[in-house]
Every structure is written in C-alpha cells, then in structure tokens.
Amino acid sequence: MSVTIKDVAKAAGVSTATVSRVLNNSSLISPQTAEKVRNAMRELGYFPNNIARSFAHQSTYIIALVVDIEEPTAFNNPYFYQIQYGIEKYICPKGYYLMIVNENTLNNSGTGFSKLFYEKRVDGLILPVSVLNKNLVKKMEEQKFPFVIIGEPENSYDTNWVDINNKMAGEISTTHLIENHFQRIAFVSGSQKDLFNRNRLDGYLTALAKHGIQPDPELIKEGGFSKEDGYAIMTAFLQLENPPDGIVFTDNLVAFGALTAIKAYGLSIPDDIGLVSFDNFPVAELSDPPITTVDIDLINLGMQAASMLLKEIQLPTKTKQQSLLSVRLIKRGTSERAQRKQP
C-alpha cells in the first residue's frame, strides 16, 4: 500500500496542512518543523504526486534554461555546465526541476518559444541575452510570463537580468598589468557589437586613463575564438614597429595561442610581455607559465539568475530586478613582474 500524506503527518506529529505547506516550501513553516516532516518522508519513502500538485497549484515546478547552440561540440564549454549547476543548486531544494532547451531546435521545429509560455509547459525561463529580441519580450510580457536574462541587455530593454560586472573585469585586468610596470598594453576581445565586450573595453580604457596612459588604436583588436586566432593576433602584434609589452585577452583559448606565439618568438613571459585573460578554466592554470585570469563565478551567476526567477514566479512585481556580480583577479605567472625591465 502506498504511503499517503496522512501517514507522513502522523509520523511527524503534525497536520496534513503542515505537510502540504512543507511540500510547497511555505515560509510559514519553521525550519525545524520542515526538517521533521522531511525526515518522516524519507523514513516512510513518501514521494508527492507531482501531477496532482501541478493541477492544484497551476504550476509545473519546471524551469527552462534556454541555450543558443548550433554545434554539438559547444556543449563541451564549461561555461554552460557551471551556469546549469548554479541554477540546479538553487532551485532543486525548493522543489523545482530544470529543463534544458536549445533555442535553435525550437526555431527549427517551427514553434519557437510558443509552446513553452503559451501552453505553460514551464513556470519560467532563463535565457541568454543572445536570443533576446523585442518581439519575444513583448509576447512574454503580454502573457505575464516570468523570465530572467543572463547578460545585460541593451538600454532599450527593461527586464529582469543578471550579469558579471564586465567593466570591472576590463579595469582590474588592465590595472594589474600597469601596477606590474607594463605600459604599452593591448586589448583583444570578441565582437564590439556585444554590450559585454564594449563594457570590457570601457574598463580597459578607464584603467589607462586613470594612470595617464594614452590608448593606441593599433593595440585594440576584436575577434578570435581559438588558439589559432590567438597565435595569429599575437604574431601581428609582435611584428609592429612598437609592439605591446602587455596584453589583455577576454578568451582563454585565444590567450593560450598567444602564449605559444610569444614563446615562438623567443620572448620571456612575463619579463618581456605580460598577459592576463578572462575565465578561470583549467587551460589557464595548466599552461606554462600559468595564466593570470579574471575569475568569473559562473555558478553564482546561475544561482542569482535562479533566485531572481523564483522571486518573479512566487511574488510577481512590476519592479524589475537587475544585478551586476563582482569579479576577482587570480594572479599567476604571466603577469607579475617584480620591477620594470631595464632596456
């Protein structure tokens, strides 16, 4: 015979209403009582009927994370898994489950996002800023459908979003090189069409200005996603009449390619050239020398996005939630130079 909610209530010494509130994560129940009820559930092997629960509360208890991926190999990127882990870490203890949805698959099916929010297949969406458009935002707002954007949108959107402080990332990486006596500092990022890359460039320019260094347009490049790109970009820099003595990359693989190019030219790191990159992935720590990086806490980014979304689901409000998360610099062997190199 299956265990019922009445059996759990009796074992925990509480009412069935209290058990129900625990199942729905009600703030009216004290942590001690909630734990007593959950212990009783575990001991009795009780599992709630989520179908009935969903009907009763008009909720699926499912959150969808939308990804924008065209090639299967893109799933190898740790960026995706760390954000996913952060979301699950936050929502699962609160009784929600995570669904992963590929935006490209949705669009190819011809239905787009409509089945997700028009048919209420999930309670809310977490979306990358790359898939955002005015038509999609309008549809979700008309349906009063909860959603949160990962990444700061352009100024024309007033939505719930969370992002890292990209300007801070650009500024602290450049400042670190300046403080280690590098003066002619280059900056390489992704496309300046993206707001986060423009913010990183703004941070770089801010650091130069604070230290009285005039930026050189010849040292500011965009593009590059691979080791081969990094090798080519660094080679072009080294062939300049007045090459840089320091460089900030916003991609670890590109930075790794640049490191290889610097060695191929017989130059010393960091004595001849200092280097800082973004994202503290294993390639940075395992390279020779290990790469100084701006550490972006992607797990926390996922948790903050999930927290924001559950607030929107449980307590809808017209006030939009927007947050920039701090970053930190992890200093390693590619940037710390004890004193200015003598000519």
Protein backbone atom coordinates (compact mmCIF):
# COMPACT_ATOMS: atom_id res chain seq x y z
CA MET A 1 0.00 0.00 0.00
CA SER A 2 1.41 3.43 -0.98
CA VAL A 3 2.31 5.97 1.68
CA THR A 4 -0.05 8.95 1.89
CA ILE A 5 0.27 12.50 3.15
CA LYS A 6 -1.76 11.45 6.20
CA ASP A 7 0.86 8.81 7.05
CA VAL A 8 3.59 11.45 6.87
CA ALA A 9 1.60 13.86 9.06
CA LYS A 10 1.04 11.16 11.68
CA ALA A 11 4.71 10.12 11.72
CA ALA A 12 5.87 13.74 12.05
CA GLY A 13 3.23 14.65 14.62
CA VAL A 14 1.79 17.48 12.52
CA SER A 15 -1.33 18.19 10.49
CA THR A 16 -1.76 17.28 6.83
CA ALA A 17 -1.94 21.03 6.12
CA THR A 18 1.54 21.45 7.59
CA VAL A 19 2.90 18.63 5.40
CA SER A 20 1.30 20.30 2.38
CA ARG A 21 2.94 23.62 3.25
CA VAL A 22 6.33 21.92 3.58
CA LEU A 23 5.87 20.37 0.14
CA ASN A 24 5.18 23.84 -1.23
CA ASN A 25 8.14 25.43 0.56
CA SER A 26 5.91 27.76 2.56
CA SER A 27 7.68 30.39 4.63
CA LEU A 28 5.01 29.93 7.31
CA ILE A 29 6.64 26.69 8.48
CA SER A 30 9.69 26.86 10.75
CA PRO A 31 12.91 25.17 9.56
CA GLN A 32 12.71 22.74 12.50
CA THR A 33 9.18 21.60 11.60
CA ALA A 34 10.04 21.38 7.92
CA GLU A 35 13.03 19.18 8.67
CA LYS A 36 10.91 16.92 10.90
CA VAL A 37 8.39 16.48 8.07
CA ARG A 38 11.11 15.76 5.50
CA ASN A 39 12.68 13.18 7.82
CA ALA A 40 9.31 11.46 8.08
CA MET A 41 9.01 11.46 4.27
CA ARG A 42 12.42 9.86 3.93
CA GLU A 43 11.75 7.22 6.58
CA LEU A 44 8.41 6.28 5.06
CA GLY A 45 9.58 6.50 1.46
CA TYR A 46 6.95 9.10 0.59
CA PHE A 47 7.00 10.86 -2.78
CA PRO A 48 4.42 13.55 -3.57
CA ASN A 49 2.18 13.19 -6.61
CA ASN A 50 3.58 15.99 -8.72
CA ILE A 51 0.86 15.71 -11.36
CA ALA A 52 -1.83 16.34 -8.77
CA ARG A 53 0.32 19.00 -7.17
CA SER A 54 0.74 20.77 -10.51
CA PHE A 55 -3.01 20.76 -11.15
CA ALA A 56 -3.76 22.06 -7.67
CA HIS A 57 -1.30 24.94 -7.86
CA GLN A 58 -1.41 25.62 -11.61
CA SER A 59 2.33 25.10 -11.69
CA THR A 60 4.66 22.68 -13.46
CA TYR A 61 7.55 23.20 -10.98
CA ILE A 62 9.85 23.21 -14.01
CA ILE A 63 12.26 25.97 -15.02
CA ALA A 64 13.69 26.06 -18.55
CA LEU A 65 17.23 27.18 -19.31
CA VAL A 66 17.43 28.22 -22.94
CA VAL A 67 20.79 27.77 -24.68
CA ASP A 68 21.85 29.12 -28.05
CA ILE A 69 23.91 26.29 -29.52
CA GLU A 70 24.32 25.30 -33.17
CA GLU A 71 27.12 22.73 -32.95
CA PRO A 72 27.16 19.68 -30.60
CA THR A 73 30.77 20.44 -29.62
CA ALA A 74 29.58 23.69 -27.99
CA PHE A 75 28.27 21.62 -25.09
CA ASN A 76 31.92 20.95 -24.17
CA ASN A 77 32.22 24.55 -22.96
CA PRO A 78 32.45 24.63 -19.13
CA TYR A 79 30.59 27.98 -19.22
CA PHE A 80 27.32 26.14 -19.92
CA TYR A 81 27.72 23.49 -17.23
CA GLN A 82 28.73 25.86 -14.45
CA ILE A 83 25.69 28.07 -15.01
CA GLN A 84 23.48 25.00 -15.21
CA TYR A 85 24.91 23.68 -11.94
CA GLY A 86 24.30 27.01 -10.22
CA ILE A 87 20.66 27.08 -11.33
CA GLU A 88 20.02 23.49 -10.21
CA LYS A 89 21.81 24.06 -6.92
CA TYR A 90 19.35 26.84 -6.14
CA ILE A 91 16.04 25.50 -7.47
CA CYS A 92 16.16 21.78 -6.62
CA PRO A 93 15.97 22.20 -2.81
CA LYS A 94 12.91 24.37 -3.44
CA GLY A 95 11.08 21.63 -5.32
CA TYR A 96 11.76 22.79 -8.89
CA TYR A 97 13.40 20.93 -11.74
CA LEU A 98 15.47 22.22 -14.65
CA MET A 99 14.80 21.64 -18.35
CA ILE A 100 17.46 22.45 -20.96
CA VAL A 101 16.09 23.80 -24.24
CA ASN A 102 18.17 24.60 -27.33
CA GLU A 103 16.88 27.78 -28.99
CA ASN A 104 18.00 26.52 -32.39
CA THR A 105 15.97 23.32 -32.01
CA LEU A 106 12.89 25.30 -31.01
CA ASN A 107 13.13 27.57 -34.00
CA ASN A 108 13.79 24.70 -36.40
CA SER A 109 10.64 22.99 -35.20
CA GLY A 110 8.63 26.00 -36.35
CA THR A 111 7.05 26.60 -32.97
CA GLY A 112 9.78 28.71 -31.36
CA PHE A 113 9.15 29.56 -27.74
CA SER A 114 5.36 29.49 -28.04
CA LYS A 115 4.83 26.02 -26.57
CA LEU A 116 6.88 26.94 -23.52
CA PHE A 117 4.96 30.00 -22.38
CA TYR A 118 1.64 29.98 -24.28
CA GLU A 119 0.96 26.40 -23.20
CA LYS A 120 2.53 26.94 -19.74
CA ARG A 121 4.82 23.96 -20.12
CA VAL A 122 7.27 25.55 -17.71
CA ASP A 123 6.89 28.10 -14.90
CA GLY A 124 9.63 30.41 -16.12
CA LEU A 125 12.56 30.87 -18.46
CA ILE A 126 16.23 31.75 -18.03
CA LEU A 127 17.58 32.99 -21.34
CA PRO A 128 20.95 34.17 -22.65
CA VAL A 129 20.94 37.75 -23.87
CA SER A 130 21.97 36.44 -27.31
CA VAL A 131 18.42 35.17 -28.04
CA LEU A 132 16.64 38.32 -26.84
CA ASN A 133 14.51 40.35 -29.24
CA LYS A 134 11.70 42.87 -28.81
CA ASN A 135 9.04 40.56 -30.24
CA LEU A 136 9.90 37.75 -27.83
CA VAL A 137 9.97 40.12 -24.83
CA LYS A 138 6.61 41.58 -25.84
CA LYS A 139 5.00 38.14 -26.08
CA MET A 140 6.26 37.03 -22.67
CA GLU A 141 5.24 40.31 -21.02
CA GLU A 142 1.76 40.09 -22.56
CA GLN A 143 1.41 36.63 -21.07
CA LYS A 144 2.86 37.86 -17.74
CA PHE A 145 5.30 35.00 -18.11
CA PRO A 146 8.30 35.08 -15.71
CA PHE A 147 11.74 35.23 -17.29
CA VAL A 148 15.28 36.31 -16.44
CA ILE A 149 18.07 37.21 -18.84
CA ILE A 150 21.68 36.11 -18.30
CA GLY A 151 23.67 39.04 -19.64
CA GLU A 152 23.00 42.77 -19.56
CA PRO A 153 20.61 43.75 -22.39
CA GLU A 154 20.88 46.90 -24.45
CA ASN A 155 19.25 50.03 -22.98
CA SER A 156 16.01 49.51 -24.88
CA TYR A 157 15.03 46.56 -22.65
CA ASP A 158 13.66 46.94 -19.14
CA THR A 159 13.71 43.33 -17.98
CA ASN A 160 14.98 41.11 -15.18
CA TRP A 161 18.65 40.36 -15.80
CA VAL A 162 21.89 39.37 -14.10
CA ASP A 163 25.42 39.65 -15.44
CA ILE A 164 29.01 39.91 -14.29
CA ASN A 165 30.50 43.37 -13.96
CA ASN A 166 32.30 43.40 -17.29
CA LYS A 167 33.60 46.94 -16.95
CA MET A 168 35.17 45.97 -13.62
CA ALA A 169 36.74 42.91 -15.31
CA GLY A 170 38.35 45.04 -18.01
CA GLU A 171 39.56 47.58 -15.49
CA ILE A 172 41.12 45.26 -12.89
CA SER A 173 42.94 43.19 -15.52
CA THR A 174 44.48 46.27 -17.13
CA THR A 175 45.27 47.91 -13.79
CA HIS A 176 47.09 44.76 -12.68
CA LEU A 177 49.40 44.94 -15.70
CA ILE A 178 50.05 48.65 -15.15
CA GLU A 179 50.89 48.02 -11.49
CA ASN A 180 53.42 45.42 -12.64
CA HIS A 181 55.21 48.04 -14.77
CA PHE A 182 53.72 47.24 -18.17
CA GLN A 183 52.99 50.40 -20.13
CA ARG A 184 52.10 49.56 -23.71
CA ILE A 185 49.09 47.32 -23.12
CA ALA A 186 46.99 45.74 -25.88
CA PHE A 187 43.39 44.59 -25.56
CA VAL A 188 41.75 41.75 -27.50
CA SER A 189 38.05 40.95 -27.12
CA GLY A 190 35.13 39.46 -29.01
CA SER A 191 32.86 41.49 -31.24
CA GLN A 192 32.18 45.05 -30.11
CA LYS A 193 28.61 44.57 -31.33
CA ASP A 194 28.04 42.82 -27.99
CA LEU A 195 27.44 45.07 -24.99
CA PHE A 196 29.53 42.95 -22.61
CA ASN A 197 32.57 43.31 -24.89
CA ARG A 198 32.04 47.06 -25.10
CA ASN A 199 31.85 47.20 -21.31
CA ARG A 200 35.13 45.27 -21.01
CA LEU A 201 36.79 47.67 -23.44
CA ASP A 202 35.40 50.59 -21.42
CA GLY A 203 37.05 49.14 -18.30
CA TYR A 204 40.38 48.81 -20.15
CA LEU A 205 40.20 52.44 -21.34
CA THR A 206 39.21 53.61 -17.84
CA ALA A 207 42.30 51.92 -16.31
CA LEU A 208 44.59 53.52 -18.90
CA ALA A 209 43.06 56.96 -18.30
CA LYS A 210 43.43 56.68 -14.51
CA HIS A 211 47.17 56.07 -14.97
CA GLY A 212 47.71 58.73 -17.62
CA ILE A 213 48.31 56.28 -20.46
CA GLN A 214 47.08 57.28 -23.92
CA PRO A 215 45.30 54.38 -25.68
CA ASP A 216 46.71 53.30 -29.04
CA PRO A 217 44.00 52.14 -31.53
CA GLU A 218 46.62 49.89 -33.11
CA LEU A 219 46.63 47.82 -29.90
CA ILE A 220 42.86 47.30 -29.66
CA LYS A 221 41.58 44.28 -31.59
CA GLU A 222 38.33 42.33 -31.75
CA GLY A 223 37.64 38.81 -32.90
CA GLY A 224 39.22 35.45 -32.24
CA PHE A 225 37.81 32.32 -30.62
CA SER A 226 40.56 29.71 -30.94
CA LYS A 227 44.22 29.02 -30.18
CA GLU A 228 45.00 29.59 -33.84
CA ASP A 229 43.34 33.02 -33.69
CA GLY A 230 45.39 33.90 -30.60
CA TYR A 231 48.62 32.83 -32.31
CA ALA A 232 47.82 34.96 -35.38
CA ILE A 233 46.79 38.03 -33.37
CA MET A 234 49.87 37.87 -31.16
CA THR A 235 52.14 37.38 -34.17
CA ALA A 236 50.67 40.51 -35.76
CA PHE A 237 51.28 42.47 -32.55
CA LEU A 238 54.89 41.31 -32.33
CA GLN A 239 55.55 42.41 -35.90
CA LEU A 240 54.58 46.02 -35.12
CA GLU A 241 57.31 48.63 -35.09
CA ASN A 242 56.41 49.33 -31.46
CA PRO A 243 54.85 46.09 -30.11
CA PRO A 244 52.96 45.83 -26.82
CA ASP A 245 54.66 44.75 -23.61
CA GLY A 246 51.39 43.66 -22.00
CA ILE A 247 48.10 42.27 -23.30
CA VAL A 248 44.59 41.55 -22.01
CA PHE A 249 42.61 38.75 -23.67
CA THR A 250 38.95 38.13 -22.89
CA ASP A 251 39.13 34.47 -24.00
CA ASN A 252 41.35 31.78 -22.50
CA LEU A 253 41.86 29.73 -25.66
CA VAL A 254 42.91 32.83 -27.60
CA ALA A 255 45.29 33.73 -24.76
CA PHE A 256 46.79 30.23 -24.86
CA GLY A 257 47.51 30.63 -28.58
CA ALA A 258 49.12 34.00 -27.90
CA LEU A 259 51.32 32.40 -25.24
CA THR A 260 52.57 29.91 -27.82
CA ALA A 261 53.37 32.73 -30.26
CA ILE A 262 55.32 34.69 -27.65
CA LYS A 263 57.48 31.64 -26.92
CA ALA A 264 57.99 31.00 -30.63
CA TYR A 265 59.49 34.49 -30.88
CA GLY A 266 61.92 33.64 -28.10
CA LEU A 267 60.45 36.16 -25.69
CA SER A 268 60.15 35.70 -21.94
CA ILE A 269 56.86 35.78 -20.04
CA PRO A 270 56.36 37.98 -18.05
CA ASP A 271 59.77 39.70 -18.32
CA ASP A 272 59.26 40.74 -21.94
CA ILE A 273 55.46 40.52 -22.22
CA GLY A 274 52.78 40.27 -19.54
CA LEU A 275 49.44 38.58 -20.19
CA VAL A 276 46.04 38.45 -18.48
CA SER A 277 42.97 36.52 -19.63
CA PHE A 278 39.35 36.01 -18.61
CA ASP A 279 37.59 32.90 -17.24
CA ASN A 280 39.44 30.69 -14.79
CA PHE A 281 39.16 27.44 -16.75
CA PRO A 282 41.78 24.62 -16.47
CA VAL A 283 43.75 25.72 -19.54
CA ALA A 284 44.78 28.87 -17.61
CA GLU A 285 46.15 27.05 -14.59
CA LEU A 286 47.82 24.25 -16.55
CA SER A 287 49.60 26.38 -19.16
CA ASP A 288 53.31 27.21 -18.85
CA PRO A 289 53.54 29.64 -17.22
CA PRO A 290 50.06 29.58 -15.65
CA ILE A 291 47.89 32.42 -16.97
CA THR A 292 46.70 35.24 -14.71
CA THR A 293 42.91 35.36 -15.10
CA VAL A 294 39.84 37.34 -14.20
CA ASP A 295 37.75 34.77 -12.35
CA ILE A 296 34.07 34.86 -13.29
CA ASP A 297 31.93 32.92 -10.82
CA LEU A 298 29.54 31.26 -13.26
CA ILE A 299 27.99 29.03 -10.61
CA ASN A 300 27.00 32.11 -8.63
CA LEU A 301 25.72 33.69 -11.85
CA GLY A 302 23.40 30.71 -12.33
CA MET A 303 22.27 30.81 -8.72
CA GLN A 304 21.49 34.53 -8.89
CA ALA A 305 19.50 34.08 -12.10
CA ALA A 306 17.51 31.25 -10.48
CA SER A 307 16.87 33.25 -7.32
CA MET A 308 15.65 36.18 -9.39
CA LEU A 309 13.31 33.96 -11.40
CA LEU A 310 11.75 32.19 -8.40
CA LYS A 311 11.02 35.58 -6.83
CA GLU A 312 9.30 36.61 -10.05
CA ILE A 313 7.28 33.36 -10.11
CA GLN A 314 6.25 33.37 -6.46
CA LEU A 315 5.84 37.12 -5.86
CA PRO A 316 5.22 38.85 -9.20
CA THR A 317 6.03 42.56 -9.16
CA LYS A 318 6.31 45.39 -11.67
CA THR A 319 9.74 46.27 -10.28
CA LYS A 320 12.49 44.77 -12.43
CA GLN A 321 15.46 43.02 -10.82
CA GLN A 322 18.88 43.83 -12.25
CA SER A 323 22.25 42.79 -10.85
CA LEU A 324 25.95 43.01 -11.70
CA LEU A 325 28.20 40.47 -9.97
CA SER A 326 31.74 41.30 -8.92
CA VAL A 327 34.78 39.51 -10.34
CA ARG A 328 38.24 38.83 -8.90
CA LEU A 329 41.75 38.55 -10.29
CA ILE A 330 43.74 35.34 -9.83
CA LYS A 331 47.41 36.29 -10.13
CA ARG A 332 49.72 33.77 -11.77
CA GLY A 333 52.98 33.61 -13.67
CA THR A 334 52.13 35.51 -16.86
CA SER A 335 51.79 38.94 -15.29
CA GLU A 336 53.68 39.52 -12.05
CA ARG A 337 56.93 41.32 -12.79
CA ALA A 338 58.89 42.49 -9.75
CA GLN A 339 60.34 45.61 -11.34
CA ARG A 340 60.37 47.49 -14.63
CA LYS A 341 62.52 45.70 -17.17
CA GLN A 342 65.64 47.74 -17.94
CA PRO A 343 66.43 48.45 -21.62
